[in-house]
């Protein structure tokens, strides 16, 4: 997978995760970072649960979104919600 595709998938996954969790985006760079980190967390967490969204682009986006939601939930618990 090329760097450009990774960044695009990360941006979509981060945007989807932030949209589902908090209702607003984090900006392009924030979405990319959360999406890429969320992919690592998502693959690790779903691997522990023996669950997979399948291969391909859609599976990567959904896994990244799940991981992004987990990251955003933990950040909300640690730093408190937005006011």
PDB file of N, CA and C in Angstrom:
ATOM      1  N   UNK A   1       0.856  -1.175   0.000  1.00  0.00           N
ATOM      2  CA  UNK A   1       0.000   0.000   0.000  1.00  0.00           C
ATOM      3  C   UNK A   1       0.902   1.238   0.000  1.00  0.00           C
ATOM      4  N   UNK A   2       0.596   2.165  -0.852  1.00  0.00           N
ATOM      5  CA  UNK A   2       1.431   3.350  -0.946  1.00  0.00           C
ATOM      6  C   UNK A   2       1.129   4.330   0.186  1.00  0.00           C
ATOM      7  N   UNK A   3       2.028   5.261   0.375  1.00  0.00           N
ATOM      8  CA  UNK A   3       1.867   6.273   1.420  1.00  0.00           C
ATOM      9  C   UNK A   3       0.616   7.105   1.176  1.00  0.00           C
ATOM     10  N   UNK A   4       0.357   7.458  -0.055  1.00  0.00           N
ATOM     11  CA  UNK A   4      -0.812   8.281  -0.375  1.00  0.00           C
ATOM     12  C   UNK A   4      -2.112   7.553  -0.015  1.00  0.00           C
ATOM     13  N   UNK A   5      -2.204   6.276  -0.347  1.00  0.00           N
ATOM     14  CA  UNK A   5      -3.396   5.501  -0.015  1.00  0.00           C
ATOM     15  C   UNK A   5      -3.539   5.374   1.495  1.00  0.00           C
ATOM     16  N   UNK A   6      -2.435   5.170   2.200  1.00  0.00           N
ATOM     17  CA  UNK A   6      -2.462   5.094   3.657  1.00  0.00           C
ATOM     18  C   UNK A   6      -2.966   6.388   4.265  1.00  0.00           C
ATOM     19  N   UNK A   7      -2.510   7.521   3.756  1.00  0.00           N
ATOM     20  CA  UNK A   7      -2.960   8.814   4.270  1.00  0.00           C
ATOM     21  C   UNK A   7      -4.447   9.044   3.983  1.00  0.00           C
ATOM     22  N   UNK A   8      -4.899   8.644   2.801  1.00  0.00           N
ATOM     23  CA  UNK A   8      -6.312   8.817   2.458  1.00  0.00           C
ATOM     24  C   UNK A   8      -7.185   7.934   3.338  1.00  0.00           C
ATOM     25  N   UNK A   9      -6.799   6.667   3.512  1.00  0.00           N
ATOM     26  CA  UNK A   9      -7.563   5.767   4.376  1.00  0.00           C
ATOM     27  C   UNK A   9      -7.538   6.263   5.811  1.00  0.00           C
ATOM     28  N   UNK A  10      -6.385   6.739   6.273  1.00  0.00           N
ATOM     29  CA  UNK A  10      -6.289   7.292   7.618  1.00  0.00           C
ATOM     30  C   UNK A  10      -7.173   8.506   7.810  1.00  0.00           C
ATOM     31  N   UNK A  11      -7.223   9.376   6.811  1.00  0.00           N
ATOM     32  CA  UNK A  11      -8.068  10.573   6.900  1.00  0.00           C
ATOM     33  C   UNK A  11      -9.541  10.199   6.953  1.00  0.00           C
ATOM     34  N   UNK A  12      -9.944   9.249   6.127  1.00  0.00           N
ATOM     35  CA  UNK A  12     -11.352   8.826   6.124  1.00  0.00           C
ATOM     36  C   UNK A  12     -11.710   8.141   7.435  1.00  0.00           C
ATOM     37  N   UNK A  13     -10.836   7.252   7.907  1.00  0.00           N
ATOM     38  CA  UNK A  13     -11.101   6.546   9.159  1.00  0.00           C
ATOM     39  C   UNK A  13     -11.137   7.503  10.345  1.00  0.00           C
ATOM     40  N   UNK A  14     -10.223   8.444  10.387  1.00  0.00           N
ATOM     41  CA  UNK A  14     -10.215   9.438  11.465  1.00  0.00           C
ATOM     42  C   UNK A  14     -11.429  10.338  11.428  1.00  0.00           C
ATOM     43  N   UNK A  15     -11.824  10.755  10.230  1.00  0.00           N
ATOM     44  CA  UNK A  15     -13.016  11.591  10.091  1.00  0.00           C
ATOM     45  C   UNK A  15     -14.255  10.822  10.528  1.00  0.00           C
ATOM     46  N   UNK A  16     -14.362   9.564  10.093  1.00  0.00           N
ATOM     47  CA  UNK A  16     -15.509   8.745  10.458  1.00  0.00           C
ATOM     48  C   UNK A  16     -15.555   8.508  11.962  1.00  0.00           C
ATOM     49  N   UNK A  17     -14.411   8.205  12.562  1.00  0.00           N
ATOM     50  CA  UNK A  17     -14.357   7.999  14.010  1.00  0.00           C
ATOM     51  C   UNK A  17     -14.720   9.245  14.787  1.00  0.00           C
ATOM     52  N   UNK A  18     -14.196  10.394  14.370  1.00  0.00           N
ATOM     53  CA  UNK A  18     -14.514  11.632  15.084  1.00  0.00           C
ATOM     54  C   UNK A  18     -15.959  12.057  14.855  1.00  0.00           C
ATOM     55  N   UNK A  19     -16.498  11.743  13.692  1.00  0.00           N
ATOM     56  CA  UNK A  19     -17.894  12.054  13.404  1.00  0.00           C
ATOM     57  C   UNK A  19     -18.833  11.211  14.273  1.00  0.00           C
ATOM     58  N   UNK A  20     -18.527   9.931  14.394  1.00  0.00           N
ATOM     59  CA  UNK A  20     -19.352   9.026  15.197  1.00  0.00           C
ATOM     60  C   UNK A  20     -19.207   9.346  16.680  1.00  0.00           C
ATOM     61  N   UNK A  21     -17.994   9.597  17.128  1.00  0.00           N
ATOM     62  CA  UNK A  21     -17.778   9.777  18.567  1.00  0.00           C
ATOM     63  C   UNK A  21     -18.164  11.160  19.063  1.00  0.00           C
ATOM     64  N   UNK A  22     -17.647  12.199  18.443  1.00  0.00           N
ATOM     65  CA  UNK A  22     -17.840  13.529  19.015  1.00  0.00           C
ATOM     66  C   UNK A  22     -18.708  14.459  18.178  1.00  0.00           C
ATOM     67  N   UNK A  23     -19.010  14.088  16.956  1.00  0.00           N
ATOM     68  CA  UNK A  23     -19.885  14.907  16.137  1.00  0.00           C
ATOM     69  C   UNK A  23     -19.192  16.006  15.354  1.00  0.00           C
ATOM     70  N   UNK A  24     -17.872  16.120  15.463  1.00  0.00           N
ATOM     71  CA  UNK A  24     -17.164  17.131  14.679  1.00  0.00           C
ATOM     72  C   UNK A  24     -15.796  16.603  14.286  1.00  0.00           C
ATOM     73  N   UNK A  25     -15.251  17.140  13.222  1.00  0.00           N
ATOM     74  CA  UNK A  25     -13.954  16.705  12.738  1.00  0.00           C
ATOM     75  C   UNK A  25     -12.814  17.340  13.513  1.00  0.00           C
ATOM     76  N   UNK A  26     -11.634  16.798  13.296  1.00  0.00           N
ATOM     77  CA  UNK A  26     -10.428  17.303  13.952  1.00  0.00           C
ATOM     78  C   UNK A  26      -9.532  18.048  12.982  1.00  0.00           C
ATOM     79  N   UNK A  27     -10.009  18.310  11.803  1.00  0.00           N
ATOM     80  CA  UNK A  27      -9.178  18.899  10.769  1.00  0.00           C
ATOM     81  C   UNK A  27      -8.483  17.788   9.994  1.00  0.00           C
ATOM     82  N   UNK A  28      -7.954  18.110   8.847  1.00  0.00           N
ATOM     83  CA  UNK A  28      -7.354  17.105   7.976  1.00  0.00           C
ATOM     84  C   UNK A  28      -6.184  16.385   8.641  1.00  0.00           C
ATOM     85  N   UNK A  29      -5.250  17.129   9.196  1.00  0.00           N
ATOM     86  CA  UNK A  29      -4.074  16.518   9.818  1.00  0.00           C
ATOM     87  C   UNK A  29      -4.474  15.705  11.043  1.00  0.00           C
ATOM     88  N   UNK A  30      -5.368  16.235  11.860  1.00  0.00           N
ATOM     89  CA  UNK A  30      -5.835  15.510  13.045  1.00  0.00           C
ATOM     90  C   UNK A  30      -6.539  14.219  12.670  1.00  0.00           C
ATOM     91  N   UNK A  31      -7.371  14.266  11.627  1.00  0.00           N
ATOM     92  CA  UNK A  31      -8.062  13.056  11.175  1.00  0.00           C
ATOM     93  C   UNK A  31      -7.079  12.015  10.657  1.00  0.00           C
ATOM     94  N   UNK A  32      -6.071  12.442   9.919  1.00  0.00           N
ATOM     95  CA  UNK A  32      -5.075  11.505   9.398  1.00  0.00           C
ATOM     96  C   UNK A  32      -4.332  10.840  10.545  1.00  0.00           C
ATOM     97  N   UNK A  33      -3.902  11.621  11.519  1.00  0.00           N
ATOM     98  CA  UNK A  33      -3.149  11.073  12.655  1.00  0.00           C
ATOM     99  C   UNK A  33      -4.013  10.114  13.458  1.00  0.00           C
ATOM    100  N   UNK A  34      -5.227  10.538  13.810  1.00  0.00           N
ATOM    101  CA  UNK A  34      -6.129   9.680  14.582  1.00  0.00           C
ATOM    102  C   UNK A  34      -6.487   8.426  13.782  1.00  0.00           C
ATOM    103  N   UNK A  35      -6.699   8.559  12.493  1.00  0.00           N
ATOM    104  CA  UNK A  35      -7.037   7.415  11.653  1.00  0.00           C
ATOM    105  C   UNK A  35      -5.918   6.397  11.548  1.00  0.00           C
ATOM    106  N   UNK A  36      -4.689   6.874  11.359  1.00  0.00           N
ATOM    107  CA  UNK A  36      -3.556   5.951  11.252  1.00  0.00           C
ATOM    108  C   UNK A  36      -3.288   5.281  12.594  1.00  0.00           C
ATOM    109  N   UNK A  37      -3.283   6.051  13.679  1.00  0.00           N
ATOM    110  CA  UNK A  37      -3.117   5.448  15.005  1.00  0.00           C
ATOM    111  C   UNK A  37      -4.295   4.528  15.321  1.00  0.00           C
ATOM    112  N   UNK A  38      -5.485   4.937  14.912  1.00  0.00           N
ATOM    113  CA  UNK A  38      -6.664   4.119  15.121  1.00  0.00           C
ATOM    114  C   UNK A  38      -6.589   2.794  14.375  1.00  0.00           C
ATOM    115  N   UNK A  39      -5.943   2.775  13.230  1.00  0.00           N
ATOM    116  CA  UNK A  39      -5.778   1.525  12.497  1.00  0.00           C
ATOM    117  C   UNK A  39      -4.958   0.527  13.297  1.00  0.00           C
ATOM    118  N   UNK A  40      -3.878   0.998  13.897  1.00  0.00           N
ATOM    119  CA  UNK A  40      -3.061   0.112  14.735  1.00  0.00           C
ATOM    120  C   UNK A  40      -3.871  -0.408  15.918  1.00  0.00           C
ATOM    121  N   UNK A  41      -4.568   0.497  16.594  1.00  0.00           N
ATOM    122  CA  UNK A  41      -5.379   0.113  17.750  1.00  0.00           C
ATOM    123  C   UNK A  41      -6.510  -0.817  17.312  1.00  0.00           C
ATOM    124  N   UNK A  42      -7.162  -0.497  16.205  1.00  0.00           N
ATOM    125  CA  UNK A  42      -8.261  -1.314  15.709  1.00  0.00           C
ATOM    126  C   UNK A  42      -7.824  -2.722  15.346  1.00  0.00           C
ATOM    127  N   UNK A  43      -6.708  -2.854  14.625  1.00  0.00           N
ATOM    128  CA  UNK A  43      -6.224  -4.179  14.261  1.00  0.00           C
ATOM    129  C   UNK A  43      -5.831  -4.972  15.502  1.00  0.00           C
ATOM    130  N   UNK A  44      -5.218  -4.312  16.477  1.00  0.00           N
ATOM    131  CA  UNK A  44      -4.822  -4.991  17.705  1.00  0.00           C
ATOM    132  C   UNK A  44      -6.055  -5.432  18.494  1.00  0.00           C
ATOM    133  N   UNK A  45      -7.000  -4.514  18.692  1.00  0.00           N
ATOM    134  CA  UNK A  45      -8.187  -4.810  19.487  1.00  0.00           C
ATOM    135  C   UNK A  45      -9.071  -5.863  18.813  1.00  0.00           C
ATOM    136  N   UNK A  46      -9.319  -5.715  17.523  1.00  0.00           N
ATOM    137  CA  UNK A  46     -10.145  -6.693  16.824  1.00  0.00           C
ATOM    138  C   UNK A  46      -9.452  -8.042  16.714  1.00  0.00           C
ATOM    139  N   UNK A  47      -8.123  -8.032  16.668  1.00  0.00           N
ATOM    140  CA  UNK A  47      -7.372  -9.293  16.689  1.00  0.00           C
ATOM    141  C   UNK A  47      -7.541 -10.031  18.009  1.00  0.00           C
ATOM    142  N   UNK A  48      -7.560  -9.279  19.112  1.00  0.00           N
ATOM    143  CA  UNK A  48      -7.797  -9.903  20.413  1.00  0.00           C
ATOM    144  C   UNK A  48      -9.189 -10.521  20.493  1.00  0.00           C
ATOM    145  N   UNK A  49     -10.146  -9.908  19.825  1.00  0.00           N
ATOM    146  CA  UNK A  49     -11.522 -10.383  19.832  1.00  0.00           C
ATOM    147  C   UNK A  49     -11.808 -11.402  18.724  1.00  0.00           C
ATOM    148  N   UNK A  50     -10.776 -11.749  17.942  1.00  0.00           N
ATOM    149  CA  UNK A  50     -10.909 -12.660  16.801  1.00  0.00           C
ATOM    150  C   UNK A  50     -12.012 -12.206  15.843  1.00  0.00           C
ATOM    151  N   UNK A  51     -12.011 -10.937  15.520  1.00  0.00           N
ATOM    152  CA  UNK A  51     -12.994 -10.355  14.621  1.00  0.00           C
ATOM    153  C   UNK A  51     -12.267  -9.595  13.524  1.00  0.00           C
ATOM    154  N   UNK A  52     -12.833  -9.604  12.341  1.00  0.00           N
ATOM    155  CA  UNK A  52     -12.233  -8.880  11.226  1.00  0.00           C
ATOM    156  C   UNK A  52     -13.332  -8.322  10.328  1.00  0.00           C
ATOM    157  N   UNK A  53     -13.105  -7.144   9.805  1.00  0.00           N
ATOM    158  CA  UNK A  53     -14.003  -6.561   8.826  1.00  0.00           C
ATOM    159  C   UNK A  53     -13.640  -7.003   7.421  1.00  0.00           C
ATOM    160  N   UNK A  54     -12.652  -7.863   7.289  1.00  0.00           N
ATOM    161  CA  UNK A  54     -12.218  -8.359   5.993  1.00  0.00           C
ATOM    162  C   UNK A  54     -11.070  -7.524   5.451  1.00  0.00           C
ATOM    163  N   UNK A  55     -10.582  -7.947   4.321  1.00  0.00           N
ATOM    164  CA  UNK A  55      -9.483  -7.237   3.696  1.00  0.00           C
ATOM    165  C   UNK A  55      -9.992  -6.115   2.806  1.00  0.00           C
ATOM    166  N   UNK A  56      -9.082  -5.438   2.193  1.00  0.00           N
ATOM    167  CA  UNK A  56      -9.455  -4.382   1.269  1.00  0.00           C
ATOM    168  C   UNK A  56      -9.577  -3.023   1.926  1.00  0.00           C
ATOM    169  N   UNK A  57      -9.927  -2.075   1.116  1.00  0.00           N
ATOM    170  CA  UNK A  57      -9.998  -0.687   1.557  1.00  0.00           C
ATOM    171  C   UNK A  57     -11.114  -0.462   2.571  1.00  0.00           C
ATOM    172  N   UNK A  58     -12.286  -1.025   2.326  1.00  0.00           N
ATOM    173  CA  UNK A  58     -13.403  -0.830   3.242  1.00  0.00           C
ATOM    174  C   UNK A  58     -13.109  -1.429   4.617  1.00  0.00           C
ATOM    175  N   UNK A  59     -12.509  -2.605   4.640  1.00  0.00           N
ATOM    176  CA  UNK A  59     -12.124  -3.222   5.910  1.00  0.00           C
ATOM    177  C   UNK A  59     -11.112  -2.381   6.669  1.00  0.00           C
ATOM    178  N   UNK A  60     -10.160  -1.807   5.942  1.00  0.00           N
ATOM    179  CA  UNK A  60      -9.156  -0.947   6.578  1.00  0.00           C
ATOM    180  C   UNK A  60      -9.794   0.317   7.144  1.00  0.00           C
ATOM    181  N   UNK A  61     -10.736   0.899   6.420  1.00  0.00           N
ATOM    182  CA  UNK A  61     -11.410   2.116   6.898  1.00  0.00           C
ATOM    183  C   UNK A  61     -12.235   1.813   8.139  1.00  0.00           C
ATOM    184  N   UNK A  62     -13.002   0.724   8.113  1.00  0.00           N
ATOM    185  CA  UNK A  62     -13.825   0.372   9.271  1.00  0.00           C
ATOM    186  C   UNK A  62     -12.982   0.028  10.489  1.00  0.00           C
ATOM    187  N   UNK A  63     -11.893  -0.709  10.286  1.00  0.00           N
ATOM    188  CA  UNK A  63     -10.994  -1.038  11.396  1.00  0.00           C
ATOM    189  C   UNK A  63     -10.354   0.218  11.959  1.00  0.00           C
ATOM    190  N   UNK A  64      -9.919   1.117  11.094  1.00  0.00           N
ATOM    191  CA  UNK A  64      -9.343   2.381  11.546  1.00  0.00           C
ATOM    192  C   UNK A  64     -10.351   3.237  12.290  1.00  0.00           C
ATOM    193  N   UNK A  65     -11.601   3.226  11.837  1.00  0.00           N
ATOM    194  CA  UNK A  65     -12.650   3.997  12.508  1.00  0.00           C
ATOM    195  C   UNK A  65     -12.920   3.446  13.904  1.00  0.00           C
ATOM    196  N   UNK A  66     -12.939   2.121  14.040  1.00  0.00           N
ATOM    197  CA  UNK A  66     -13.131   1.517  15.367  1.00  0.00           C
ATOM    198  C   UNK A  66     -11.991   1.925  16.293  1.00  0.00           C
ATOM    199  N   UNK A  67     -10.774   1.842  15.799  1.00  0.00           N
ATOM    200  CA  UNK A  67      -9.625   2.252  16.601  1.00  0.00           C
ATOM    201  C   UNK A  67      -9.654   3.732  16.934  1.00  0.00           C
ATOM    202  N   UNK A  68     -10.084   4.553  15.977  1.00  0.00           N
ATOM    203  CA  UNK A  68     -10.182   5.992  16.224  1.00  0.00           C
ATOM    204  C   UNK A  68     -11.218   6.290  17.297  1.00  0.00           C
ATOM    205  N   UNK A  69     -12.335   5.567  17.289  1.00  0.00           N
ATOM    206  CA  UNK A  69     -13.351   5.754  18.320  1.00  0.00           C
ATOM    207  C   UNK A  69     -12.800   5.389  19.683  1.00  0.00           C
ATOM    208  N   UNK A  70     -12.024   4.313  19.752  1.00  0.00           N
ATOM    209  CA  UNK A  70     -11.412   3.909  21.029  1.00  0.00           C
ATOM    210  C   UNK A  70     -10.446   4.981  21.506  1.00  0.00           C
ATOM    211  N   UNK A  71      -9.611   5.490  20.614  1.00  0.00           N
ATOM    212  CA  UNK A  71      -8.657   6.539  20.984  1.00  0.00           C
ATOM    213  C   UNK A  71      -9.387   7.798  21.456  1.00  0.00           C
ATOM    214  N   UNK A  72     -10.420   8.203  20.724  1.00  0.00           N
ATOM    215  CA  UNK A  72     -11.170   9.397  21.109  1.00  0.00           C
ATOM    216  C   UNK A  72     -11.902   9.202  22.441  1.00  0.00           C
ATOM    217  N   UNK A  73     -12.407   8.012  22.692  1.00  0.00           N
ATOM    218  CA  UNK A  73     -13.072   7.738  23.969  1.00  0.00           C
ATOM    219  C   UNK A  73     -12.078   7.816  25.125  1.00  0.00           C
ATOM    220  N   UNK A  74     -10.894   7.242  24.934  1.00  0.00           N
ATOM    221  CA  UNK A  74      -9.867   7.315  25.977  1.00  0.00           C
ATOM    222  C   UNK A  74      -9.397   8.748  26.203  1.00  0.00           C
ATOM    223  N   UNK A  75      -9.217   9.493  25.123  1.00  0.00           N
ATOM    224  CA  UNK A  75      -8.816  10.897  25.259  1.00  0.00           C
ATOM    225  C   UNK A  75      -9.885  11.698  25.982  1.00  0.00           C
ATOM    226  N   UNK A  76     -11.148  11.401  25.720  1.00  0.00           N
ATOM    227  CA  UNK A  76     -12.246  12.100  26.393  1.00  0.00           C
ATOM    228  C   UNK A  76     -12.259  11.769  27.885  1.00  0.00           C
ATOM    229  N   UNK A  77     -11.983  10.518  28.217  1.00  0.00           N
ATOM    230  CA  UNK A  77     -11.933  10.133  29.639  1.00  0.00           C
ATOM    231  C   UNK A  77     -10.759  10.797  30.360  1.00  0.00           C
ATOM    232  N   UNK A  78      -9.615  10.862  29.694  1.00  0.00           N
ATOM    233  CA  UNK A  78      -8.416  11.413  30.332  1.00  0.00           C
ATOM    234  C   UNK A  78      -8.472  12.934  30.423  1.00  0.00           C
ATOM    235  N   UNK A  79      -8.838  13.589  29.321  1.00  0.00           N
ATOM    236  CA  UNK A  79      -8.782  15.044  29.267  1.00  0.00           C
ATOM    237  C   UNK A  79     -10.120  15.732  29.483  1.00  0.00           C
ATOM    238  N   UNK A  80     -11.182  14.984  29.591  1.00  0.00           N
ATOM    239  CA  UNK A  80     -12.507  15.568  29.771  1.00  0.00           C
ATOM    240  C   UNK A  80     -13.114  15.934  28.447  1.00  0.00           C
ATOM    241  N   UNK A  81     -14.424  16.044  28.434  1.00  0.00           N
ATOM    242  CA  UNK A  81     -15.146  16.366  27.199  1.00  0.00           C
ATOM    243  C   UNK A  81     -15.016  17.821  26.828  1.00  0.00           C
ATOM    244  N   UNK A  82     -15.427  18.104  25.595  1.00  0.00           N
ATOM    245  CA  UNK A  82     -15.435  19.503  25.134  1.00  0.00           C
ATOM    246  C   UNK A  82     -16.569  20.245  25.786  1.00  0.00           C
ATOM    247  N   UNK A  83     -16.379  21.533  25.956  1.00  0.00           N
ATOM    248  CA  UNK A  83     -17.419  22.375  26.571  1.00  0.00           C
ATOM    249  C   UNK A  83     -17.977  23.312  25.560  1.00  0.00           C
TER     250      UNK A  83
END
